[in-house]
Protein backbone atom coordinates (compact mmCIF):
# COMPACT_ATOMS: atom_id res chain seq x y z
CA MET A 1 9.38 3.29 -14.95
CA GLU A 2 9.00 6.78 -12.61
CA LEU A 3 8.36 5.85 -9.26
CA ARG A 4 7.37 9.32 -6.72
CA GLU A 5 5.21 9.75 -3.59
CA ILE A 6 2.00 11.31 -4.26
CA ASP A 7 1.05 15.05 -3.73
CA ARG A 8 -2.11 14.85 -1.49
CA THR A 9 -2.88 18.02 -1.44
CA SER A 10 -2.40 17.90 -5.68
CA GLN A 11 -5.53 17.64 -6.98
CA SER A 12 -3.85 16.52 -10.14
CA ASP A 13 -2.09 13.55 -7.97
CA ILE A 14 -5.56 12.82 -6.68
CA ASN A 15 -7.10 12.32 -10.25
CA LEU A 16 -4.43 9.96 -11.07
CA LEU A 17 -4.83 7.84 -8.35
CA SER A 18 -8.60 8.00 -8.50
CA ALA A 19 -8.64 6.50 -12.28
CA LEU A 20 -6.08 3.66 -10.89
CA PHE A 21 -8.80 3.24 -8.00
CA LYS A 22 -12.29 3.07 -10.18
CA GLU A 23 -10.36 -0.03 -11.39
CA TYR A 24 -9.15 -1.56 -8.61
CA ALA A 25 -12.61 -1.32 -6.65
CA ALA A 26 -14.34 -2.72 -10.07
CA GLU A 27 -11.48 -6.18 -9.38
CA VAL A 28 -11.73 -6.40 -5.55
CA LYS A 29 -14.37 -3.75 -3.78
CA PRO A 30 -17.56 -3.11 -6.37
CA ASP A 31 -18.52 -1.13 -3.50
CA MET A 32 -16.02 1.11 -2.80
CA SER A 33 -16.36 4.52 -2.60
CA PRO A 34 -15.63 6.63 -5.86
CA THR A 35 -14.21 9.26 -3.88
CA VAL A 36 -11.85 7.10 -1.53
CA ALA A 37 -8.54 9.23 -3.43
CA GLY A 38 -10.05 12.27 -2.29
CA GLU A 39 -10.81 10.95 0.65
CA LEU A 40 -7.13 9.55 1.86
CA ALA A 41 -5.72 13.47 0.90
CA GLU A 42 -7.64 14.63 4.06
CA ILE A 43 -6.39 11.53 5.89
CA PRO A 44 -2.69 13.35 7.62
CA CYS A 45 -1.28 10.00 8.13
CA PHE A 46 -1.82 9.22 4.58
CA ARG A 47 1.45 8.45 2.25
CA GLY A 48 0.81 7.18 -1.59
CA PHE A 49 3.18 6.53 -4.07
CA MET A 50 2.61 5.52 -7.66
CA ALA A 51 4.67 3.97 -10.63
CA PHE A 52 4.74 5.70 -14.00
CA ASP A 53 5.16 4.04 -16.98
CA ASP A 54 5.83 6.94 -20.01
CA GLY A 55 4.09 8.89 -17.68
CA LYS A 56 0.43 6.48 -16.91
CA PRO A 57 -0.21 5.64 -13.77
CA ILE A 58 0.37 2.19 -13.40
CA ALA A 59 0.12 1.39 -9.49
CA PHE A 60 0.05 2.48 -5.73
CA CYS A 61 0.67 1.89 -3.09
CA VAL A 62 -1.49 3.23 -0.15
CA CYS A 63 -0.08 3.82 3.19
CA PHE A 64 -0.57 4.56 6.46
CA GLU A 65 1.98 5.68 8.80
CA THR A 66 1.32 5.14 12.74
CA TYR A 67 3.77 4.98 15.87
CA SER A 68 5.53 2.50 17.81
CA THR A 69 5.95 3.57 20.87
CA TYR A 70 8.27 0.00 22.27
CA ARG A 71 10.57 1.25 19.61
CA SER A 72 9.96 4.91 19.12
CA LYS A 73 9.28 4.74 15.44
CA TYR A 74 7.31 4.91 12.35
CA VAL A 75 5.72 2.12 11.42
CA TRP A 76 3.60 1.86 7.96
CA ASN A 77 0.70 -0.24 6.93
CA LEU A 78 0.76 -1.27 3.15
CA HIS A 79 -2.78 -0.74 3.15
CA ASP A 80 -3.62 -1.47 -0.70
CA VAL A 81 -1.27 -2.27 -2.84
CA MET A 82 -2.19 -2.52 -6.93
CA VAL A 83 -0.51 -2.87 -10.40
CA SER A 84 -3.22 -1.78 -13.47
CA ARG A 85 -4.62 -5.23 -15.03
CA SER A 86 -2.55 -3.32 -18.22
CA ALA A 87 0.83 -3.35 -16.21
CA ARG A 88 1.11 -6.78 -14.96
CA GLY A 89 3.96 -9.47 -15.23
CA MET A 90 6.29 -6.28 -16.15
CA GLY A 91 7.92 -6.78 -12.95
CA ALA A 92 5.61 -3.07 -12.12
CA GLY A 93 4.79 -4.27 -8.33
CA ARG A 94 7.63 -5.33 -7.27
CA LYS A 95 9.92 -2.02 -8.25
CA LEU A 96 7.28 0.06 -7.05
CA LEU A 97 8.09 -1.69 -3.30
CA GLU A 98 11.38 -1.49 -3.42
CA TRP A 99 11.11 2.22 -3.73
CA VAL A 100 8.77 2.39 -0.88
CA LEU A 101 10.93 -0.05 1.11
CA SER A 102 13.56 1.97 0.36
CA LYS A 103 12.20 5.46 1.40
CA ALA A 104 11.09 3.10 4.92
CA ARG A 105 14.42 2.62 5.08
CA GLU A 106 15.67 6.46 4.37
CA CYS A 107 12.56 7.55 6.96
CA ASN A 108 14.00 4.72 10.05
CA VAL A 109 10.73 3.57 9.99
CA ALA A 110 9.97 0.17 11.73
CA LYS A 111 8.48 -2.31 10.53
CA VAL A 112 6.40 -1.51 7.09
CA THR A 113 3.46 -4.53 7.86
CA LEU A 114 0.87 -5.43 5.29
CA GLU A 115 -2.31 -7.68 4.89
CA VAL A 116 -2.94 -9.92 2.30
CA GLU A 117 -5.51 -12.18 0.59
CA GLU A 118 -5.53 -15.63 1.97
CA ASP A 119 -5.70 -16.80 -1.80
CA ASN A 120 -3.81 -14.11 -3.42
CA ALA A 121 -1.18 -16.47 -4.66
CA VAL A 122 0.85 -14.07 -6.62
CA ALA A 123 0.92 -11.28 -4.22
CA LYS A 124 2.08 -13.23 -0.82
CA ALA A 125 4.95 -15.13 -3.30
CA LEU A 126 5.51 -10.85 -3.85
CA TYR A 127 5.87 -10.48 -0.19
CA ALA A 128 7.46 -13.27 0.91
CA SER A 129 10.64 -12.56 -2.00
CA LEU A 130 10.98 -9.32 -0.89
CA GLY A 131 11.24 -10.41 2.93
CA PHE A 132 7.42 -9.90 4.62
CA GLN A 133 6.68 -12.64 6.43
CA ASP A 134 3.52 -13.99 8.55
CA PHE A 135 3.32 -12.30 11.39
CA THR A 136 3.01 -15.50 13.81
CA ALA A 137 6.43 -16.80 11.95
CA LYS A 138 8.60 -13.98 13.39
CA ALA A 139 7.17 -13.44 16.83
CA PRO A 140 5.36 -16.39 17.52
CA LYS A 141 5.14 -14.98 21.48
CA GLU A 142 3.19 -12.21 20.19
CA HIS A 143 -0.63 -11.83 18.20
CA HIS A 144 -2.11 -9.75 15.92
CA TRP A 145 -5.81 -9.17 16.99
CA HIS A 146 -8.35 -6.84 15.55
CA LEU A 147 -11.89 -5.80 16.10
CA TYR A 148 -14.41 -4.88 13.37
CA THR A 149 -16.43 -1.67 14.91
CA GLU A 150 -19.71 -2.89 13.14
CA ASP A 151 -19.61 -6.22 15.01
CA LEU A 152 -20.16 -4.07 18.26
């Protein structure tokens, strides 16, 4: 299995990511923009990671890099993690995430965050096995808040 960072300046890489996004959208959000991969390439804080099996893309991880002023280090938010249906159960998601986490350590990232749907037991088990934990379990006096602008 080949693991590598997506080159957001490479149309070839964006096309590979786009193909996986089509499968991902069909499963989780059919109204997702069909040009989302190209849109990601235009975002300066985007970092993408991909897994390949025999040259075929089988998994991706979309990451956005932000900064923690408290810790004076970068923070990575893993916004989308996807394994192609054809590659599920082969350990591709685990290998990709282990590699992404090793890259985060190499880059001296303060923390890696992600969100997961409550009913996604497979993903939650994978994330827990890699050391991720519910935010409130680690910092019970800190709360993670958000506001969708559509609610304004």
